[in-house]
Amino acid sequence: MSMGADVGVVSSVGKVVGAKLTRNEIGQINKLVEAGLYLNPSDFIRDAVREKLTAIKVIEYRDVDYDTAKKEVAGYFQMKGEAYASDASTDLQLDYELVCRIMDDLETEGKMEITESTTAP
């Protein structure tokens, strides 16, 4: 017997995934459905999965040369005004350490003013 979830094709739109939940979890979901927050338990589960997938974004960094990255970082902070280095890293898909190095270089060149709130998430 497999320990993984059962997956079956329902239609071209989606697949059915079986998962075991505790009675307590099912009871809590049913209360939310009864309160009108969800159409049915499946609606809750789909929403929970979407929420979790959004929260766990896998960031793939782009491989760009330093000068290109520097232009993008400078433009990013010019557009945003103020942002965290981590936000720039995520939004531009650039390595965090690279963004911090570029920010330091831009500050040294007098093209950027870095405050503590900009570097500390």
Protein backbone atom coordinates (compact mmCIF):
# COMPACT_ATOMS: atom_id res chain seq x y z
CA MET A 1 0.00 0.00 0.00
CA SER A 2 1.39 3.42 -1.02
CA MET A 3 1.92 6.13 1.58
CA GLY A 4 1.47 8.92 -1.01
CA ALA A 5 -1.72 10.68 -1.99
CA ASP A 6 -4.06 9.04 -4.47
CA VAL A 7 -4.25 11.04 -7.67
CA GLY A 8 -6.82 10.44 -10.38
CA VAL A 9 -7.81 12.36 -13.48
CA VAL A 10 -11.25 13.96 -13.20
CA SER A 11 -11.28 16.03 -16.36
CA SER A 12 -8.96 18.18 -18.41
CA VAL A 13 -9.41 20.87 -15.74
CA GLY A 14 -8.02 19.12 -12.67
CA LYS A 15 -7.20 15.98 -10.74
CA VAL A 16 -8.58 14.44 -7.59
CA VAL A 17 -6.07 14.12 -4.77
CA GLY A 18 -6.98 12.03 -1.76
CA ALA A 19 -5.69 13.06 1.65
CA LYS A 20 -6.54 11.77 5.10
CA LEU A 21 -7.60 14.40 7.63
CA THR A 22 -8.32 14.01 11.32
CA ARG A 23 -11.90 14.13 12.58
CA ASN A 24 -11.04 17.39 14.31
CA GLU A 25 -9.77 18.94 11.05
CA ILE A 26 -12.88 17.76 9.17
CA GLY A 27 -15.08 19.15 11.94
CA GLN A 28 -13.38 22.54 11.76
CA ILE A 29 -13.71 22.62 7.97
CA ASN A 30 -17.39 21.68 8.19
CA LYS A 31 -18.00 24.51 10.68
CA LEU A 32 -16.49 26.97 8.21
CA VAL A 33 -18.70 25.57 5.45
CA GLU A 34 -21.79 25.81 7.70
CA ALA A 35 -20.85 29.41 8.52
CA GLY A 36 -20.98 30.15 4.79
CA LEU A 37 -17.28 30.91 4.40
CA TYR A 38 -16.84 28.09 1.88
CA LEU A 39 -19.21 26.34 -0.53
CA ASN A 40 -18.08 22.87 0.59
CA PRO A 41 -15.02 21.11 2.05
CA SER A 42 -13.41 20.88 -1.39
CA ASP A 43 -13.69 24.65 -1.79
CA PHE A 44 -11.86 25.09 1.53
CA ILE A 45 -9.11 22.62 0.58
CA ARG A 46 -8.54 24.24 -2.83
CA ASP A 47 -8.30 27.65 -1.16
CA ALA A 48 -5.88 26.32 1.48
CA VAL A 49 -3.66 24.76 -1.19
CA ARG A 50 -3.59 27.99 -3.24
CA GLU A 51 -2.73 29.99 -0.12
CA LYS A 52 0.10 27.64 0.81
CA LEU A 53 1.52 27.61 -2.73
CA THR A 54 1.49 31.41 -2.79
CA ALA A 55 3.26 31.56 0.58
CA ILE A 56 5.99 29.17 -0.53
CA LYS A 57 7.34 30.83 -3.61
CA VAL A 58 10.38 29.10 -5.00
CA ILE A 59 12.68 31.82 -6.20
CA GLU A 60 14.81 31.06 -9.21
CA TYR A 61 17.60 33.56 -9.60
CA ARG A 62 18.48 34.80 -13.05
CA ASP A 63 22.06 34.59 -14.21
CA VAL A 64 22.89 38.14 -15.34
CA ASP A 65 26.18 40.02 -15.42
CA TYR A 66 27.00 42.55 -12.69
CA ASP A 67 26.45 45.66 -14.86
CA THR A 68 22.99 44.49 -15.96
CA ALA A 69 22.06 43.63 -12.38
CA LYS A 70 23.34 47.01 -11.17
CA LYS A 71 21.17 48.87 -13.71
CA GLU A 72 18.14 46.82 -12.67
CA VAL A 73 18.73 47.38 -8.95
CA ALA A 74 19.25 51.13 -9.45
CA GLY A 75 16.07 51.33 -11.53
CA TYR A 76 14.16 49.27 -8.97
CA PHE A 77 15.00 51.61 -6.09
CA GLN A 78 14.42 54.66 -8.26
CA MET A 79 10.94 53.35 -9.06
CA LYS A 80 10.08 52.13 -5.53
CA GLY A 81 11.74 54.94 -3.62
CA GLU A 82 12.33 52.76 -0.58
CA ALA A 83 12.33 48.98 -0.29
CA TYR A 84 14.17 46.16 1.43
CA ALA A 85 17.12 44.48 -0.26
CA SER A 86 15.22 41.19 0.12
CA ASP A 87 12.26 42.64 -1.80
CA ALA A 88 14.54 43.77 -4.61
CA SER A 89 16.16 40.33 -4.67
CA THR A 90 12.78 38.59 -4.91
CA ASP A 91 11.18 40.99 -7.38
CA LEU A 92 14.20 41.14 -9.69
CA GLN A 93 15.05 37.44 -9.25
CA LEU A 94 18.62 38.33 -8.32
CA ASP A 95 20.79 36.77 -5.64
CA TYR A 96 20.36 38.58 -2.29
CA GLU A 97 24.11 38.93 -1.67
CA LEU A 98 24.54 40.42 -5.16
CA VAL A 99 21.78 42.97 -4.50
CA CYS A 100 23.41 43.96 -1.18
CA ARG A 101 26.82 44.35 -2.88
CA ILE A 102 25.25 46.50 -5.61
CA MET A 103 23.44 48.63 -3.04
CA ASP A 104 26.74 49.21 -1.21
CA ASP A 105 28.41 50.18 -4.50
CA LEU A 106 25.57 52.56 -5.39
CA GLU A 107 25.82 54.16 -1.95
CA THR A 108 29.61 54.56 -2.33
CA GLU A 109 29.04 56.20 -5.73
CA GLY A 110 26.51 58.59 -4.13
CA LYS A 111 23.68 57.22 -6.28
CA MET A 112 21.73 55.73 -3.39
CA GLU A 113 21.14 56.45 0.25
CA ILE A 114 20.86 53.34 2.38
CA THR A 115 19.02 53.41 5.68
CA GLU A 116 19.03 50.60 8.21
CA SER A 117 15.38 49.84 7.40
CA THR A 118 16.35 49.29 3.75
CA THR A 119 18.71 46.42 4.54
CA ALA A 120 16.99 44.82 7.55
CA PRO A 121 13.80 42.92 6.67
